[in-house]
Amino acid sequence: MDLSIILPTFNEKGNVNRLIESIKRNLKAKKINFEIIIVDDNSPDRTAEICKKKFKSDKSVKIFVRKKERGLASAIYYGIKKAVGKYILVMDTDFSHDPKLIPQMVENIKDSDIVIGSRYIGSGGMKNQKRYWLSHLYNLYLRILFGIPVTDFLSGYFCIKRKYLLNILYEQKKIFVGYGDYFMRLIFFINLNQGKFTELASFYKDRSYGQSKTNLLKTFILYTKTSINLATHKS
């Protein structure tokens, strides 16, 4: 298996099936052997049930429902434990991460330890300009604080070598906790392990269906606390 794509879901019935179809279209011509792992937190909108009905005969789509556990980071970690691909790719399920970038990420991971879809290089960006500049300033703060040559510490769109990731998780088991702050931790510990980073320009769209689950004030407080703990190496 070349690639395991992990899609964490919660109330994404309007997005998940279309995203899976888009992923498959973008990988079909590249002859990449892949699996798509859906990790659903028992969504009230029946995301998992709708997905199972659509892809019941498709062995490349694997759906797991967590009855008790909740949270983005822990869902991704659950998917990592189920993955068998040489490379692992993680992306949001709301179409903010463009699936057209996947083949390019897979190509670049061969010479890197992690490939990140960044909003802050080249043609990257966000449709919501207010959030773009707030996030851009916060990422500049993180770059200065950590001294790591990465432009997007909060991307969440990445491809990583599975063996390399498992080695890091063996050393640092507390990476995949919380919300989007897990990605900040992941970058921090990859850098600590002298990993090689590659960033590709990625333009983030607004979600095409449903409501955002992000509370900006709570997220800011959480991320700032995490960044300070990492800077003092307590997280």
Protein backbone atom coordinates (compact mmCIF):
# COMPACT_ATOMS: atom_id res chain seq x y z
CA MET A 1 0.00 0.00 0.00
CA ASP A 2 1.44 3.37 -1.05
CA LEU A 3 -0.83 5.86 0.68
CA SER A 4 -3.26 6.00 3.59
CA ILE A 5 -5.53 9.06 3.60
CA ILE A 6 -7.11 9.87 6.96
CA LEU A 7 -10.34 11.87 7.05
CA PRO A 8 -11.65 12.73 10.54
CA THR A 9 -15.38 13.50 10.42
CA PHE A 10 -18.10 14.96 12.61
CA ASN A 11 -21.35 16.06 10.98
CA GLU A 12 -19.88 16.11 7.47
CA LYS A 13 -22.65 14.31 5.56
CA GLY A 14 -22.72 17.02 2.91
CA ASN A 15 -18.98 16.85 2.27
CA VAL A 16 -17.49 13.42 2.87
CA ASN A 17 -18.84 11.49 -0.13
CA ARG A 18 -17.99 14.27 -2.58
CA LEU A 19 -14.51 14.58 -1.08
CA ILE A 20 -13.85 10.84 -1.40
CA GLU A 21 -14.91 10.94 -5.06
CA SER A 22 -12.63 13.93 -5.66
CA ILE A 23 -9.68 12.20 -3.98
CA LYS A 24 -10.19 9.10 -6.10
CA ARG A 25 -10.34 11.14 -9.31
CA ASN A 26 -7.09 12.93 -8.48
CA LEU A 27 -5.25 9.69 -7.67
CA LYS A 28 -6.67 7.49 -10.42
CA ALA A 29 -4.35 8.73 -13.18
CA LYS A 30 -1.26 8.60 -10.94
CA LYS A 31 -1.41 4.83 -10.35
CA ILE A 32 -1.06 5.31 -6.59
CA ASN A 33 -2.29 2.40 -4.49
CA PHE A 34 -4.28 3.99 -1.68
CA GLU A 35 -6.79 3.53 1.11
CA ILE A 36 -9.14 6.15 2.54
CA ILE A 37 -9.74 5.88 6.28
CA ILE A 38 -12.82 7.65 7.66
CA VAL A 39 -12.78 8.16 11.43
CA ASP A 40 -16.20 9.40 12.50
CA ASP A 41 -17.08 10.52 16.02
CA ASN A 42 -20.60 9.03 15.88
CA SER A 43 -21.99 12.05 14.01
CA PRO A 44 -25.66 12.86 14.77
CA ASP A 45 -26.17 13.70 11.06
CA ARG A 46 -25.38 10.06 10.14
CA THR A 47 -22.15 10.88 8.28
CA ALA A 48 -20.78 7.35 8.67
CA GLU A 49 -24.04 5.66 7.69
CA ILE A 50 -24.36 7.77 4.54
CA CYS A 51 -20.73 7.09 3.64
CA LYS A 52 -21.11 3.34 4.20
CA LYS A 53 -24.15 3.23 1.93
CA LYS A 54 -22.30 5.02 -0.86
CA PHE A 55 -19.06 3.03 -0.68
CA LYS A 56 -20.24 -0.35 0.67
CA SER A 57 -18.60 -2.25 -2.22
CA ASP A 58 -15.44 -0.12 -2.34
CA LYS A 59 -12.65 -1.86 -0.43
CA SER A 60 -10.40 1.20 -0.61
CA VAL A 61 -12.77 3.12 1.69
CA LYS A 62 -12.63 2.02 5.33
CA ILE A 63 -15.03 3.54 7.84
CA PHE A 64 -14.57 3.51 11.61
CA VAL A 65 -17.05 4.95 14.11
CA ARG A 66 -15.90 5.96 17.57
CA LYS A 67 -18.81 5.70 20.02
CA LYS A 68 -17.22 7.32 23.07
CA GLU A 69 -14.06 9.15 22.05
CA ARG A 70 -14.23 12.68 20.69
CA GLY A 71 -11.81 15.18 19.19
CA LEU A 72 -9.91 15.98 16.01
CA ALA A 73 -6.42 15.01 17.15
CA SER A 74 -7.43 11.71 18.74
CA ALA A 75 -9.46 10.81 15.63
CA ILE A 76 -6.36 11.34 13.49
CA TYR A 77 -4.31 9.20 15.87
CA TYR A 78 -6.96 6.47 15.66
CA GLY A 79 -6.64 6.59 11.88
CA ILE A 80 -2.85 6.40 12.06
CA LYS A 81 -3.11 3.18 14.06
CA LYS A 82 -5.37 1.69 11.38
CA ALA A 83 -3.25 2.85 8.43
CA VAL A 84 -1.02 0.45 6.49
CA GLY A 85 0.31 2.75 3.76
CA LYS A 86 3.95 3.68 3.29
CA TYR A 87 2.84 7.30 3.50
CA ILE A 88 0.08 8.86 5.60
CA LEU A 89 -1.85 11.91 4.43
CA VAL A 90 -4.20 13.88 6.68
CA MET A 91 -6.68 16.48 5.48
CA ASP A 92 -9.88 18.20 6.60
CA THR A 93 -13.16 16.85 5.29
CA ASP A 94 -14.84 20.21 4.60
CA PHE A 95 -13.01 20.95 1.29
CA SER A 96 -10.82 23.64 2.86
CA HIS A 97 -7.90 21.42 1.80
CA ASP A 98 -7.78 21.00 -1.98
CA PRO A 99 -7.53 17.29 -2.99
CA LYS A 100 -5.86 18.35 -6.25
CA LEU A 101 -2.66 18.88 -4.24
CA ILE A 102 -2.47 15.24 -3.08
CA PRO A 103 -0.45 13.80 -6.02
CA GLN A 104 2.11 16.59 -5.66
CA MET A 105 2.39 15.96 -1.92
CA VAL A 106 2.95 12.24 -2.52
CA GLU A 107 5.65 12.99 -5.08
CA ASN A 108 7.47 15.38 -2.74
CA ILE A 109 7.33 13.13 0.34
CA LYS A 110 9.85 10.79 -1.30
CA ASP A 111 12.63 13.29 -0.55
CA SER A 112 11.24 14.67 2.74
CA ASP A 113 9.99 13.49 6.10
CA ILE A 114 6.84 15.63 5.99
CA VAL A 115 5.16 17.69 3.27
CA ILE A 116 2.88 20.51 4.44
CA GLY A 117 0.22 22.38 2.50
CA SER A 118 0.97 26.01 3.40
CA ARG A 119 -1.23 29.08 3.01
CA TYR A 120 1.75 31.41 3.26
CA ILE A 121 3.98 30.61 0.29
CA GLY A 122 3.57 31.20 -3.44
CA SER A 123 -0.02 30.89 -4.62
CA GLY A 124 -1.25 29.75 -1.20
CA GLY A 125 -3.84 31.70 0.73
CA MET A 126 -7.38 31.78 2.12
CA LYS A 127 -10.64 33.12 0.76
CA ASN A 128 -11.44 34.72 4.13
CA GLN A 129 -8.90 37.55 4.22
CA LYS A 130 -9.52 38.50 7.86
CA ARG A 131 -8.78 34.98 9.06
CA TYR A 132 -5.87 34.76 6.64
CA TRP A 133 -4.05 37.75 8.13
CA LEU A 134 -4.85 36.82 11.74
CA SER A 135 -3.51 33.33 11.12
CA HIS A 136 -0.53 34.68 9.18
CA LEU A 137 0.50 36.92 12.09
CA TYR A 138 0.08 34.07 14.56
CA ASN A 139 2.23 31.79 12.41
CA LEU A 140 4.94 34.46 12.32
CA TYR A 141 4.84 34.48 16.13
CA LEU A 142 5.23 30.68 16.18
CA ARG A 143 8.08 30.75 13.68
CA ILE A 144 10.00 33.28 15.80
CA LEU A 145 9.18 31.47 19.05
CA PHE A 146 10.31 28.04 17.84
CA GLY A 147 12.99 29.08 15.36
CA ILE A 148 11.70 26.50 12.88
CA PRO A 149 11.73 27.33 9.12
CA VAL A 150 8.06 26.46 8.54
CA THR A 151 5.46 29.01 7.43
CA ASP A 152 2.23 27.22 8.43
CA PHE A 153 2.25 25.58 11.87
CA LEU A 154 -1.55 25.26 11.87
CA SER A 155 -2.11 23.80 8.40
CA GLY A 156 -3.34 20.33 9.30
CA TYR A 157 -2.87 19.31 5.65
CA PHE A 158 0.18 17.08 5.45
CA CYS A 159 1.77 13.92 4.10
CA ILE A 160 4.32 12.05 6.20
CA LYS A 161 6.32 8.84 6.02
CA ARG A 162 4.54 6.30 8.20
CA LYS A 163 7.68 4.71 9.69
CA TYR A 164 9.10 8.14 10.52
CA LEU A 165 5.85 9.18 12.22
CA LEU A 166 5.65 5.99 14.27
CA ASN A 167 9.22 6.54 15.50
CA ILE A 168 8.31 10.03 16.69
CA LEU A 169 5.13 8.79 18.36
CA TYR A 170 7.16 6.15 20.18
CA GLU A 171 9.27 8.95 21.67
CA GLN A 172 6.49 11.52 22.17
CA LYS A 173 3.08 9.96 22.81
CA LYS A 174 1.29 13.23 23.61
CA ILE A 175 1.34 14.77 20.14
CA PHE A 176 -2.16 13.82 19.00
CA VAL A 177 -4.25 15.40 21.76
CA GLY A 178 -6.51 18.45 21.78
CA TYR A 179 -7.63 20.14 18.59
CA GLY A 180 -5.54 21.73 15.82
CA ASP A 181 -2.69 22.34 18.27
CA TYR A 182 -1.59 18.75 17.63
CA PHE A 183 -0.04 19.92 14.35
CA MET A 184 2.06 22.50 16.14
CA ARG A 185 3.38 19.71 18.39
CA LEU A 186 4.04 17.45 15.43
CA ILE A 187 6.16 20.08 13.68
CA PHE A 188 8.01 20.85 16.91
CA PHE A 189 9.00 17.23 17.52
CA ILE A 190 9.85 16.55 13.88
CA ASN A 191 12.26 19.48 14.07
CA LEU A 192 13.61 18.12 17.35
CA ASN A 193 14.31 14.87 15.48
CA GLN A 194 16.06 16.81 12.69
CA GLY A 195 13.36 15.96 10.17
CA LYS A 196 13.25 17.43 6.67
CA PHE A 197 10.31 19.74 5.89
CA THR A 198 8.83 20.57 2.49
CA GLU A 199 6.01 23.07 2.04
CA LEU A 200 3.73 23.37 -0.99
CA ALA A 201 1.43 26.29 -1.71
CA SER A 202 -2.16 25.52 -0.72
CA PHE A 203 -5.18 27.80 -1.11
CA TYR A 204 -7.78 27.19 1.58
CA LYS A 205 -11.42 27.52 0.52
CA ASP A 206 -14.38 28.15 2.81
CA ARG A 207 -16.19 24.98 3.84
CA SER A 208 -18.74 24.03 1.20
CA TYR A 209 -21.30 22.54 3.61
CA GLY A 210 -22.07 22.81 7.32
CA GLN A 211 -20.77 25.07 10.05
CA SER A 212 -17.22 25.55 11.29
CA LYS A 213 -16.47 23.91 14.63
CA THR A 214 -13.79 26.46 15.51
CA ASN A 215 -14.25 29.02 18.31
CA LEU A 216 -11.58 31.64 17.58
CA LEU A 217 -11.09 32.90 21.16
CA LYS A 218 -10.89 29.42 22.69
CA THR A 219 -8.60 28.31 19.87
CA PHE A 220 -6.29 31.31 20.39
CA ILE A 221 -6.00 30.58 24.12
CA LEU A 222 -5.39 26.86 23.55
CA TYR A 223 -2.77 27.41 20.84
CA THR A 224 -0.94 30.07 22.84
CA LYS A 225 -0.80 27.84 25.91
CA THR A 226 0.49 24.96 23.79
CA SER A 227 3.12 27.13 22.09
CA ILE A 228 4.48 28.39 25.42
CA ASN A 229 4.59 24.86 26.84
CA LEU A 230 6.46 23.66 23.76
CA ALA A 231 8.89 26.56 23.87
CA THR A 232 9.73 25.57 27.44
CA HIS A 233 9.48 21.89 26.37
CA LYS A 234 6.74 20.97 28.84
CA SER A 235 4.19 19.75 26.28
